[in-house]
Amino acid sequence: MTGRHDLDAAGITDPALRAGYELCRRLNARHGKTYFLATLLLPPEKRPYVHALYGFARHADDLVDDLFPGLSPGLSPVRSPAFSPEAGRAERARRFTAWSEQFLTDLEWGATSDPVSRAVLDTIARWQIPTGYFADFVESMRMDLTVDGYSTYAELDRYMWGSAAVVGLQMLPILGRANNDVRWDVLEQHAIALGTAFQLTNFLRDVGEDLRRGRVYLPQESLDAFGVDRERLRRGRVDESIRNLLAAEIERARRLYRAADPGIELVHPSSRDCLRTARTLYSEILDAVDAKSIQASVQKAHDAGVKVEAYDRLAQGPVDAYVSFDNVKVGELQGTALLTALGSNAASKQIVMINGSPTDPNAAQFKQGAQSVLNGKVKIGKEYDTPNWDPNTANQEMAGAITALGAANINGVYSANDGMAAGISTALQAGGLHGIPLTGQDAQLDALQRIQAGNQTMTVYKPYKPEAVAAADVAVQFAQGKTPGTDLLPTTVTNGSGNTVPAKLLTPIVVDKNNMCTTVVKDGLYTAAQIGITC
């Protein structure tokens, strides 16, 4: 189907108006491929109006996101003596302010000379879309010029009202109701949820790109909960802490998708396939971090003759190679450290065991390793599997264990990672349990500081450079059409889907008070001053 056919079906005949709608359609096709694909399932007479809404949003987004605004074609910012980040920000602000003020004036008057705005104003008039939605959108886009992060989800949600929720509301009149019995206010809540879910999905997909623009859309309270800061994100290595952070935010997005789902059946039948497709395509972006969900993609690559190397986290399906740290060994090291800290009469003592997420295959291996050491050597009074590795949940689990067992009867705690150890440590302090053995993993800065202060016993450090080099060596072999030998992949693992995978499992390192200088400081992970020690 062509844009001309859609414009004819919609009854749009004015040449200038058609040109504006066609420009919006091209913007949608070029930049919003997932969204554009879904719009093809709408009746032709509805498509131009949806393209106009996308084109408007994209045009505004480009104004605030263009890293090098006003730069002459062919001239890089490195070679431009006039270019600087400050000049770029000022130019973006100038251009956006001029455009937005003109648009809001045009919106009030109902006429414009701008081709994109012309299509949008026509769409607003034809479908009687409240103009306040567009003013709210402009205000959120303006925030991108000055706001580079959000302290809480509540703050982010206020931004997403204008950047995402109102976009869903703008769409509703075009999508239509299933029948007159469907209340608009009910339908609006589903539209808000879906628009916000799409926005969160974009944030999760584009963390690296947004960082390059100086922004982080994941709430600071979430980063703090999992011991992640901007520098850690910039390193580009998805370690356990970042993975757990993303898993928690992905679950937040999935809840919004679930909240939106009933609304699909409430829109006009001719719009349902479009919504279902958009919902499916966007939500599948979230599946890539889930070992089971990614199995279909692994199978597709295998069927196409593409070699698949799993890095740091084992995926299901016909994986050709796997490079990571030995997760079972991680658990063994944690369990051994805990027994050592409990002393020679550990068998007479009682611990609480707080494991990672029950849906994470790595967590199961950490647990396996720890239990192989702890079982029969110490009494496990309470044991928990913690969804999404959430530190707040771990805090509540620890508080519950103290209530159930009594503080005097808890001699140590197994925590599968440092993020949860932070929440656990807080509960221990509140329960009057100071300085009892507590394990961790990931060598987070706050964990190292707790170790130094005597509030955590150890952490497990997994140096990323050897892992990255090992993975690169395997990738080079695949790229050359070779099969990596046992010198690169000396062992095998099974991945839960009946596949035996050649693997290299690196040995993790225990870090405690005695060896911080020769491990995390020596490797440049942190400075001694950051930890609060002298080397």
Protein backbone atom coordinates (compact mmCIF):
# COMPACT_ATOMS: atom_id res chain seq x y z
CA MET A 1 0.00 0.00 0.00
CA THR A 2 1.28 3.50 -0.84
CA GLY A 3 0.92 6.72 1.08
CA ARG A 4 -1.12 8.12 -1.81
CA HIS A 5 -3.62 5.28 -1.49
CA ASP A 6 -3.97 5.93 2.25
CA LEU A 7 -4.48 9.67 1.69
CA ASP A 8 -7.13 8.97 -0.92
CA ALA A 9 -8.90 6.57 1.43
CA ALA A 10 -8.83 9.18 4.18
CA GLY A 11 -10.32 11.82 1.89
CA ILE A 12 -7.32 14.15 2.19
CA THR A 13 -7.21 16.13 -1.06
CA ASP A 14 -5.48 19.47 -0.40
CA PRO A 15 -1.98 19.27 -1.98
CA ALA A 16 -0.19 21.10 0.85
CA LEU A 17 -1.96 18.95 3.43
CA ARG A 18 -1.11 15.77 1.54
CA ALA A 19 2.54 16.83 1.45
CA GLY A 20 2.56 17.27 5.24
CA TYR A 21 0.98 13.86 5.83
CA GLU A 22 3.41 12.23 3.39
CA LEU A 23 6.35 13.75 5.26
CA CYS A 24 5.00 12.32 8.52
CA ARG A 25 4.58 8.91 6.90
CA ARG A 26 8.20 8.95 5.74
CA LEU A 27 9.40 9.93 9.22
CA ASN A 28 7.44 7.00 10.66
CA ALA A 29 8.74 4.52 8.08
CA ARG A 30 12.36 5.65 8.53
CA HIS A 31 12.62 6.00 12.28
CA GLY A 32 9.78 4.01 13.84
CA LYS A 33 9.93 0.67 12.06
CA THR A 34 8.15 -1.30 14.79
CA TYR A 35 5.41 1.29 15.09
CA PHE A 36 5.13 1.70 11.32
CA LEU A 37 4.74 -2.05 10.79
CA ALA A 38 1.85 -2.09 13.26
CA THR A 39 0.11 0.85 11.53
CA LEU A 40 -0.10 -1.18 8.30
CA LEU A 41 -2.73 -3.30 10.06
CA LEU A 42 -5.02 -0.29 10.44
CA PRO A 43 -7.62 0.53 7.79
CA PRO A 44 -6.01 2.78 5.13
CA GLU A 45 -8.28 5.68 6.04
CA LYS A 46 -6.86 5.78 9.59
CA ARG A 47 -3.16 5.45 8.83
CA PRO A 48 -2.35 9.04 7.80
CA TYR A 49 -3.60 10.39 11.11
CA VAL A 50 -1.51 7.97 13.14
CA HIS A 51 1.51 8.81 10.98
CA ALA A 52 0.89 12.51 11.67
CA LEU A 53 0.99 11.92 15.44
CA TYR A 54 4.21 9.95 15.11
CA GLY A 55 5.78 12.54 12.81
CA PHE A 56 4.98 15.32 15.27
CA ALA A 57 6.50 13.40 18.20
CA ARG A 58 9.56 12.41 16.18
CA HIS A 59 10.18 15.95 14.98
CA ALA A 60 10.10 17.30 18.53
CA ASP A 61 12.30 14.47 19.77
CA ASP A 62 14.89 15.15 17.08
CA LEU A 63 15.08 18.81 18.07
CA VAL A 64 16.03 18.00 21.66
CA ASP A 65 18.18 14.94 20.86
CA ASP A 66 20.28 16.10 17.90
CA LEU A 67 23.80 15.87 19.32
CA PHE A 68 25.28 18.30 16.79
CA PRO A 69 22.52 20.79 15.88
CA GLY A 70 23.30 23.30 13.20
CA LEU A 71 26.53 21.58 12.15
CA SER A 72 27.30 22.04 8.45
CA PRO A 73 26.87 18.88 6.34
CA GLY A 74 30.09 16.90 6.07
CA LEU A 75 31.77 18.68 9.01
CA SER A 76 32.39 16.55 12.05
CA PRO A 77 32.20 18.09 15.55
CA VAL A 78 35.87 17.21 16.05
CA ARG A 79 36.86 19.35 13.06
CA SER A 80 34.46 22.17 13.79
CA PRO A 81 36.21 24.92 15.77
CA ALA A 82 32.87 26.42 16.74
CA PHE A 83 31.42 23.21 18.15
CA SER A 84 31.32 22.42 21.85
CA PRO A 85 28.87 20.45 23.99
CA GLU A 86 27.75 23.71 25.62
CA ALA A 87 27.16 25.31 22.22
CA GLY A 88 25.23 22.23 21.14
CA ARG A 89 22.95 22.41 24.17
CA ALA A 90 22.35 26.10 23.63
CA GLU A 91 21.54 25.57 19.96
CA ARG A 92 19.13 22.72 20.75
CA ALA A 93 17.37 24.91 23.31
CA ARG A 94 17.14 27.79 20.85
CA ARG A 95 15.73 25.64 18.06
CA PHE A 96 13.26 23.80 20.29
CA THR A 97 12.03 27.01 21.92
CA ALA A 98 11.44 28.64 18.55
CA TRP A 99 9.64 25.60 17.17
CA SER A 100 7.52 24.90 20.27
CA GLU A 101 6.41 28.51 20.71
CA GLN A 102 5.41 28.64 17.06
CA PHE A 103 3.58 25.32 17.30
CA LEU A 104 1.60 26.32 20.39
CA THR A 105 0.66 29.60 18.68
CA ASP A 106 -0.39 27.67 15.56
CA LEU A 107 -2.34 25.26 17.75
CA GLU A 108 -4.28 28.15 19.23
CA TRP A 109 -4.99 29.68 15.81
CA GLY A 110 -5.59 26.38 14.01
CA ALA A 111 -3.31 27.20 11.07
CA THR A 112 0.41 26.85 10.24
CA SER A 113 2.96 26.95 7.47
CA ASP A 114 4.99 24.04 8.88
CA PRO A 115 4.23 20.81 6.94
CA VAL A 116 4.40 18.46 9.95
CA SER A 117 2.36 20.80 12.14
CA ARG A 118 -0.14 21.23 9.30
CA ALA A 119 -0.86 17.48 9.29
CA VAL A 120 -1.08 17.39 13.09
CA LEU A 121 -3.48 20.35 13.30
CA ASP A 122 -5.68 18.70 10.68
CA THR A 123 -5.63 15.44 12.65
CA ILE A 124 -6.56 17.27 15.85
CA ALA A 125 -9.48 19.01 14.14
CA ARG A 126 -10.81 15.91 12.34
CA TRP A 127 -10.73 13.69 15.46
CA GLN A 128 -11.41 16.37 18.08
CA ILE A 129 -8.31 15.49 20.08
CA PRO A 130 -7.89 17.67 23.19
CA THR A 131 -5.18 20.25 22.51
CA GLY A 132 -3.94 20.06 26.09
CA TYR A 133 -2.35 16.71 25.29
CA PHE A 134 -0.02 18.40 22.82
CA ALA A 135 0.92 21.18 25.23
CA ASP A 136 1.77 18.51 27.81
CA PHE A 137 3.90 16.66 25.28
CA VAL A 138 5.82 19.82 24.41
CA GLU A 139 6.48 20.48 28.09
CA SER A 140 7.97 17.01 28.61
CA MET A 141 10.18 17.43 25.56
CA ARG A 142 11.34 20.74 27.00
CA MET A 143 12.45 18.89 30.14
CA ASP A 144 14.92 16.89 28.03
CA LEU A 145 16.86 20.09 27.46
CA THR A 146 17.70 20.54 31.14
CA VAL A 147 16.84 17.38 33.10
CA ASP A 148 19.36 14.53 32.89
CA GLY A 149 17.91 12.16 35.48
CA TYR A 150 15.01 11.41 37.81
CA SER A 151 15.36 10.72 41.53
CA THR A 152 12.24 8.58 41.83
CA TYR A 153 9.84 6.69 39.64
CA ALA A 154 7.16 9.19 40.62
CA GLU A 155 9.26 11.97 39.07
CA LEU A 156 9.86 9.89 35.94
CA ASP A 157 6.15 9.15 35.75
CA ARG A 158 5.41 12.87 35.60
CA TYR A 159 7.77 13.18 32.65
CA MET A 160 6.20 10.12 30.97
CA TRP A 161 2.73 11.65 31.31
CA GLY A 162 3.67 14.14 28.62
CA SER A 163 6.15 12.04 26.66
CA ALA A 164 4.13 8.80 26.51
CA ALA A 165 0.76 8.66 28.28
CA VAL A 166 -0.75 11.54 26.33
CA VAL A 167 0.42 9.91 23.08
CA GLY A 168 -1.79 6.95 23.93
CA LEU A 169 -4.64 9.33 24.68
CA GLN A 170 -4.10 11.18 21.38
CA MET A 171 -4.53 7.87 19.57
CA LEU A 172 -7.82 6.86 21.18
CA PRO A 173 -10.25 8.86 19.02
CA ILE A 174 -8.60 7.44 15.90
CA LEU A 175 -8.61 3.86 17.18
CA GLY A 176 -12.24 4.17 18.28
CA ARG A 177 -14.36 2.26 20.78
CA ALA A 178 -15.69 -1.27 20.32
CA ASN A 179 -19.20 0.10 20.94
CA ASN A 180 -20.94 2.97 22.70
CA ASP A 181 -21.12 1.02 25.94
CA VAL A 182 -17.36 1.23 26.37
CA ARG A 183 -16.61 4.16 28.68
CA TRP A 184 -13.91 6.52 27.48
CA ASP A 185 -12.49 6.92 30.99
CA VAL A 186 -11.97 3.15 31.26
CA LEU A 187 -10.34 2.99 27.85
CA GLU A 188 -8.11 5.93 28.72
CA GLN A 189 -6.53 4.10 31.65
CA HIS A 190 -5.52 1.23 29.38
CA ALA A 191 -4.13 3.68 26.82
CA ILE A 192 -2.05 5.42 29.48
CA ALA A 193 -0.65 2.07 30.64
CA LEU A 194 0.28 0.99 27.11
CA GLY A 195 1.87 4.30 26.19
CA THR A 196 3.93 4.26 29.38
CA ALA A 197 4.93 0.61 28.81
CA PHE A 198 6.19 1.51 25.33
CA GLN A 199 8.19 4.40 26.78
CA LEU A 200 9.77 2.27 29.52
CA THR A 201 10.68 -0.32 26.90
CA ASN A 202 12.44 2.36 24.87
CA PHE A 203 14.32 3.53 27.96
CA LEU A 204 15.53 -0.01 28.67
CA ARG A 205 16.54 -0.59 25.06
CA ASP A 206 18.34 2.76 24.74
CA VAL A 207 20.29 3.03 28.01
CA GLY A 208 23.61 3.37 26.17
CA GLU A 209 22.30 5.85 23.61
CA ASP A 210 20.69 8.00 26.30
CA LEU A 211 23.92 7.97 28.30
CA ARG A 212 25.77 9.38 25.31
CA ARG A 213 23.29 12.26 25.44
CA GLY A 214 23.99 12.72 29.12
CA ARG A 215 20.69 11.31 30.35
CA VAL A 216 19.60 8.33 32.45
CA TYR A 217 15.89 7.59 32.49
CA LEU A 218 16.08 4.73 34.97
CA PRO A 219 15.11 6.21 38.36
CA GLN A 220 18.01 6.99 40.67
CA GLU A 221 16.23 5.18 43.50
CA SER A 222 16.37 2.01 41.37
CA LEU A 223 20.05 2.49 40.56
CA ASP A 224 20.81 3.01 44.25
CA ALA A 225 18.84 -0.09 45.24
CA PHE A 226 21.04 -2.29 43.05
CA GLY A 227 24.35 -0.49 43.64
CA VAL A 228 24.62 0.88 40.09
CA ASP A 229 25.86 4.33 39.16
CA ARG A 230 26.34 6.12 35.84
CA GLU A 231 29.99 5.18 35.61
CA ARG A 232 29.07 1.52 35.94
CA LEU A 233 26.54 1.89 33.14
CA ARG A 234 29.09 3.66 30.95
CA ARG A 235 31.49 0.72 31.17
CA GLY A 236 29.08 -1.14 28.91
CA ARG A 237 29.46 -4.46 30.75
CA VAL A 238 26.18 -5.96 31.91
CA ASP A 239 27.25 -7.40 35.24
CA GLU A 240 25.05 -9.00 37.86
CA SER A 241 24.04 -5.70 39.48
CA ILE A 242 23.04 -4.07 36.19
CA ARG A 243 21.28 -7.20 35.09
CA ASN A 244 19.24 -7.26 38.29
CA LEU A 245 18.44 -3.57 37.93
CA LEU A 246 17.18 -4.14 34.39
CA ALA A 247 15.21 -7.19 35.47
CA ALA A 248 13.35 -5.13 38.08
CA GLU A 249 12.60 -2.36 35.59
CA ILE A 250 11.55 -4.90 32.96
CA GLU A 251 9.07 -6.37 35.41
CA ARG A 252 7.69 -2.87 35.99
CA ALA A 253 7.17 -2.53 32.24
CA ARG A 254 5.55 -5.97 32.02
CA ARG A 255 3.07 -4.99 34.72
CA LEU A 256 2.06 -2.01 32.59
CA TYR A 257 1.63 -4.21 29.54
CA ARG A 258 -0.60 -6.52 31.56
CA ALA A 259 -2.62 -3.54 32.78
CA ALA A 260 -3.04 -2.37 29.18
CA ASP A 261 -4.04 -5.73 27.68
CA PRO A 262 -7.79 -5.66 28.50
CA GLY A 263 -8.05 -2.39 26.58
CA ILE A 264 -7.24 -4.06 23.26
CA GLU A 265 -10.64 -5.72 23.19
CA LEU A 266 -12.32 -2.41 24.03
CA VAL A 267 -11.15 -0.55 20.90
CA HIS A 268 -12.86 -0.78 17.53
CA PRO A 269 -12.34 -4.21 15.89
CA SER A 270 -10.55 -2.61 12.94
CA SER A 271 -7.85 -1.29 15.30
CA ARG A 272 -7.20 -4.38 17.40
CA ASP A 273 -4.67 -6.11 15.14
CA CYS A 274 -2.57 -2.95 15.06
CA LEU A 275 -2.55 -2.67 18.85
CA ARG A 276 -1.86 -6.37 19.38
CA THR A 277 1.06 -6.27 16.96
CA ALA A 278 2.56 -3.12 18.48
CA ARG A 279 2.17 -4.57 21.96
CA THR A 280 3.78 -7.87 20.93
CA LEU A 281 6.69 -6.34 19.03
CA TYR A 282 7.53 -3.85 21.77
CA SER A 283 7.20 -6.28 24.65
CA GLU A 284 9.47 -8.77 22.86
CA ILE A 285 12.27 -6.21 23.18
CA LEU A 286 12.20 -7.02 26.89
CA ASP A 287 12.64 -10.75 26.32
CA ALA A 288 16.31 -10.57 25.37
CA VAL A 289 17.48 -10.62 29.00
CA ASP A 290 15.48 -13.73 29.81
CA ALA A 291 17.34 -16.96 29.05
CA LYS A 292 14.16 -18.86 28.23
CA SER A 293 12.56 -16.09 26.19
CA ILE A 294 15.65 -15.71 24.01
CA GLN A 295 15.64 -19.40 23.06
CA ALA A 296 13.59 -18.76 19.92
CA SER A 297 16.12 -16.17 18.71
CA VAL A 298 18.99 -18.58 19.38
CA GLN A 299 17.20 -21.27 17.37
CA LYS A 300 16.56 -18.86 14.50
CA ALA A 301 20.25 -17.91 14.37
CA HIS A 302 21.27 -21.58 14.47
CA ASP A 303 18.89 -22.44 11.63
CA ALA A 304 20.43 -19.63 9.57
CA GLY A 305 23.94 -21.01 10.12
CA VAL A 306 24.96 -18.23 12.52
CA LYS A 307 27.18 -19.20 15.44
CA VAL A 308 25.85 -18.16 18.85
CA GLU A 309 28.19 -17.35 21.73
CA ALA A 310 26.61 -16.77 25.15
CA TYR A 311 28.58 -14.23 27.13
CA ASP A 312 28.35 -14.04 30.93
CA ARG A 313 24.86 -15.55 30.98
CA LEU A 314 23.88 -18.90 29.50
CA ALA A 315 20.95 -18.84 27.10
CA GLN A 316 18.76 -21.79 26.21
CA GLY A 317 18.68 -23.31 22.75
CA PRO A 318 21.49 -24.49 20.41
CA VAL A 319 24.26 -22.26 21.79
CA ASP A 320 27.70 -22.90 20.24
CA ALA A 321 29.90 -21.51 23.01
CA TYR A 322 29.64 -20.03 26.49
CA VAL A 323 32.13 -17.80 28.31
CA SER A 324 31.49 -16.76 31.88
CA PHE A 325 32.62 -17.17 35.43
CA ASP A 326 31.99 -20.44 37.19
CA ASN A 327 28.72 -19.71 38.92
CA VAL A 328 28.71 -22.88 40.99
CA LYS A 329 32.19 -21.93 42.21
CA VAL A 330 30.84 -18.50 43.21
CA GLY A 331 28.36 -20.21 45.53
CA GLU A 332 31.04 -22.52 46.88
CA LEU A 333 33.30 -19.57 47.71
CA GLN A 334 30.44 -17.76 49.44
CA GLY A 335 29.49 -20.84 51.46
CA THR A 336 33.09 -21.54 52.45
CA ALA A 337 33.66 -17.95 53.55
CA LEU A 338 30.51 -18.05 55.65
CA LEU A 339 31.52 -21.31 57.36
CA THR A 340 34.99 -19.93 58.06
CA ALA A 341 33.53 -16.77 59.59
CA LEU A 342 31.21 -18.84 61.81
CA GLY A 343 34.20 -20.62 63.32
CA SER A 344 35.00 -24.17 64.37
CA ASN A 345 31.63 -24.79 66.00
CA ALA A 346 29.60 -23.76 62.92
CA ALA A 347 27.55 -26.96 63.17
CA SER A 348 25.90 -25.65 66.33
CA LYS A 349 24.96 -22.33 64.69
CA GLN A 350 22.05 -21.16 62.57
CA ILE A 351 22.02 -19.04 59.43
CA VAL A 352 19.48 -17.43 57.10
CA MET A 353 19.91 -18.09 53.39
CA ILE A 354 18.71 -15.42 50.94
CA ASN A 355 19.15 -16.56 47.36
CA GLY A 356 18.69 -14.72 44.06
CA SER A 357 15.76 -14.61 41.69
CA PRO A 358 13.99 -17.94 41.10
CA THR A 359 13.71 -17.12 37.37
CA ASP A 360 17.46 -16.46 36.94
CA PRO A 361 19.52 -19.51 35.86
CA ASN A 362 22.65 -17.99 37.39
CA ALA A 363 20.92 -17.73 40.77
CA ALA A 364 20.19 -21.46 40.71
CA GLN A 365 23.89 -22.19 40.17
CA PHE A 366 25.00 -19.84 42.97
CA LYS A 367 22.51 -21.60 45.25
CA GLN A 368 23.72 -25.04 44.13
CA GLY A 369 27.31 -24.17 44.95
CA ALA A 370 26.51 -22.65 48.32
CA GLN A 371 24.31 -25.51 49.42
CA SER A 372 26.99 -28.04 48.46
CA VAL A 373 29.19 -26.44 51.11
CA LEU A 374 26.63 -25.47 53.75
CA ASN A 375 24.31 -28.48 53.87
CA GLY A 376 25.09 -30.63 56.92
CA LYS A 377 27.67 -28.14 58.20
CA VAL A 378 25.32 -25.50 59.63
CA LYS A 379 21.61 -25.23 60.36
CA ILE A 380 19.65 -23.21 57.78
CA GLY A 381 16.85 -21.68 59.83
CA LYS A 382 15.15 -19.78 57.00
CA GLU A 383 15.72 -19.78 53.25
CA TYR A 384 14.27 -17.44 50.62
CA ASP A 385 14.39 -17.08 46.83
CA THR A 386 14.17 -13.36 46.10
CA PRO A 387 12.27 -12.23 42.97
CA ASN A 388 14.31 -9.89 40.73
CA TRP A 389 17.11 -9.87 43.30
CA ASP A 390 15.26 -6.95 44.85
CA PRO A 391 17.12 -5.42 47.85
CA ASN A 392 13.87 -4.18 49.40
CA THR A 393 12.42 -7.68 49.29
CA ALA A 394 15.63 -9.06 50.78
CA ASN A 395 15.34 -6.50 53.58
CA GLN A 396 11.79 -7.66 54.31
CA GLU A 397 12.84 -11.32 54.20
CA MET A 398 15.61 -10.67 56.69
CA ALA A 399 13.31 -8.73 58.99
CA GLY A 400 10.82 -11.60 58.80
CA ALA A 401 13.52 -14.13 59.65
CA ILE A 402 14.59 -12.11 62.68
CA THR A 403 10.99 -12.04 63.88
CA ALA A 404 10.48 -15.77 63.26
CA LEU A 405 13.78 -17.08 64.64
CA GLY A 406 14.73 -14.39 67.14
CA ALA A 407 17.79 -12.20 66.77
CA ALA A 408 19.75 -14.20 69.34
CA ASN A 409 19.35 -17.34 67.22
CA ILE A 410 20.82 -15.97 63.97
CA ASN A 411 24.57 -16.31 63.63
CA GLY A 412 25.13 -15.49 59.98
CA VAL A 413 23.47 -14.74 56.64
CA TYR A 414 24.12 -16.03 53.16
CA SER A 415 23.31 -13.32 50.62
CA ALA A 416 23.74 -14.25 46.96
CA ASN A 417 24.85 -10.75 45.92
CA ASP A 418 25.87 -7.34 47.21
CA GLY A 419 22.68 -5.57 46.19
CA MET A 420 20.60 -7.78 48.46
CA ALA A 421 23.30 -7.64 51.13
CA ALA A 422 22.66 -3.89 51.38
CA GLY A 423 19.01 -4.47 52.26
CA ILE A 424 19.90 -7.36 54.56
CA SER A 425 22.52 -5.32 56.39
CA THR A 426 19.97 -2.60 57.09
CA ALA A 427 17.58 -5.17 58.58
CA LEU A 428 20.37 -6.68 60.68
CA GLN A 429 21.31 -3.28 62.09
CA ALA A 430 17.67 -2.54 62.88
CA GLY A 431 17.40 -5.93 64.62
CA GLY A 432 20.46 -5.29 66.78
CA LEU A 433 22.64 -7.78 64.89
CA HIS A 434 25.90 -5.92 64.34
CA GLY A 435 28.88 -7.46 62.62
CA ILE A 436 27.57 -11.00 62.10
CA PRO A 437 28.91 -12.85 59.02
CA LEU A 438 27.23 -11.74 55.78
CA THR A 439 28.24 -12.76 52.25
CA GLY A 440 27.85 -11.00 48.92
CA GLN A 441 28.89 -10.93 45.27
CA ASP A 442 29.79 -8.38 42.55
CA ALA A 443 32.37 -6.26 44.41
CA GLN A 444 30.08 -3.24 44.55
CA LEU A 445 31.60 -0.14 46.10
CA ASP A 446 29.11 0.03 48.94
CA ALA A 447 29.77 -3.66 49.70
CA LEU A 448 33.52 -3.03 49.93
CA GLN A 449 32.80 -0.13 52.27
CA ARG A 450 30.57 -2.39 54.39
CA ILE A 451 33.36 -4.97 54.54
CA GLN A 452 35.77 -2.30 55.69
CA ALA A 453 33.28 -1.17 58.36
CA GLY A 454 32.69 -4.74 59.57
CA ASN A 455 29.11 -5.02 58.37
CA GLN A 456 29.78 -7.54 55.58
CA THR A 457 32.28 -10.40 55.55
CA MET A 458 33.18 -10.80 51.88
CA THR A 459 32.17 -10.32 48.29
CA VAL A 460 32.99 -12.17 45.09
CA TYR A 461 34.92 -10.27 42.43
CA LYS A 462 34.67 -11.30 38.76
CA PRO A 463 37.26 -9.33 36.75
CA TYR A 464 35.65 -8.38 33.47
CA LYS A 465 38.80 -8.03 31.36
CA PRO A 466 39.80 -11.75 31.31
CA GLU A 467 36.20 -12.67 30.57
CA ALA A 468 35.98 -10.17 27.71
CA VAL A 469 39.29 -11.35 26.21
CA ALA A 470 38.20 -15.01 26.38
CA ALA A 471 34.90 -14.22 24.72
CA ALA A 472 36.64 -12.19 22.00
CA ASP A 473 39.04 -15.05 21.26
CA VAL A 474 36.11 -17.39 20.69
CA ALA A 475 34.28 -14.83 18.55
CA VAL A 476 37.34 -14.42 16.31
CA GLN A 477 37.44 -18.16 15.71
CA PHE A 478 33.78 -18.18 14.70
CA ALA A 479 34.30 -15.18 12.42
CA GLN A 480 37.11 -17.05 10.65
CA GLY A 481 34.87 -20.06 10.10
CA LYS A 482 36.81 -22.15 12.62
CA THR A 483 35.67 -24.27 15.53
CA PRO A 484 37.28 -23.15 18.81
CA GLY A 485 39.37 -25.90 20.38
CA THR A 486 39.61 -27.06 23.96
CA ASP A 487 42.37 -24.50 24.55
CA LEU A 488 39.65 -21.82 24.34
CA LEU A 489 36.67 -23.87 25.52
CA PRO A 490 38.08 -26.52 27.85
CA THR A 491 34.84 -27.70 29.46
CA THR A 492 31.13 -28.12 28.75
CA VAL A 493 27.87 -27.10 30.41
CA THR A 494 24.24 -27.98 29.89
CA ASN A 495 21.80 -25.13 29.40
CA GLY A 496 18.45 -26.54 30.49
CA SER A 497 17.16 -27.20 26.99
CA GLY A 498 18.96 -30.46 26.24
CA ASN A 499 22.06 -28.84 24.76
CA THR A 500 25.65 -29.50 25.79
CA VAL A 501 27.63 -26.33 25.23
CA PRO A 502 31.45 -25.98 24.95
CA ALA A 503 32.48 -23.49 27.62
CA LYS A 504 35.19 -21.56 29.37
CA LEU A 505 34.44 -20.89 33.02
CA LEU A 506 36.74 -18.40 34.71
CA THR A 507 37.53 -18.57 38.40
CA PRO A 508 36.02 -15.81 40.58
CA ILE A 509 37.95 -14.19 43.43
CA VAL A 510 36.97 -13.75 47.08
CA VAL A 511 37.54 -10.21 48.31
CA ASP A 512 37.63 -9.38 52.01
CA LYS A 513 39.41 -6.86 54.27
CA ASN A 514 42.77 -8.45 53.60
CA ASN A 515 43.08 -8.30 49.82
CA MET A 516 41.21 -5.26 48.48
CA CYS A 517 44.47 -3.54 47.50
CA THR A 518 45.70 -6.51 45.48
CA THR A 519 42.40 -7.14 43.70
CA VAL A 520 39.82 -4.42 43.07
CA VAL A 521 42.23 -1.52 43.63
CA LYS A 522 45.07 -3.07 41.62
CA ASP A 523 42.70 -3.76 38.72
CA GLY A 524 41.47 -0.16 38.75
CA LEU A 525 37.88 -1.05 39.62
CA TYR A 526 37.94 1.49 42.47
CA THR A 527 40.54 3.66 44.14
CA ALA A 528 41.61 3.10 47.71
CA ALA A 529 40.17 6.51 48.57
CA GLN A 530 36.75 5.52 47.22
CA ILE A 531 36.68 2.46 49.46
CA GLY A 532 38.15 4.33 52.41
CA ILE A 533 41.36 2.34 52.79
CA THR A 534 45.10 2.94 52.42
CA CYS A 535 47.16 0.74 50.12
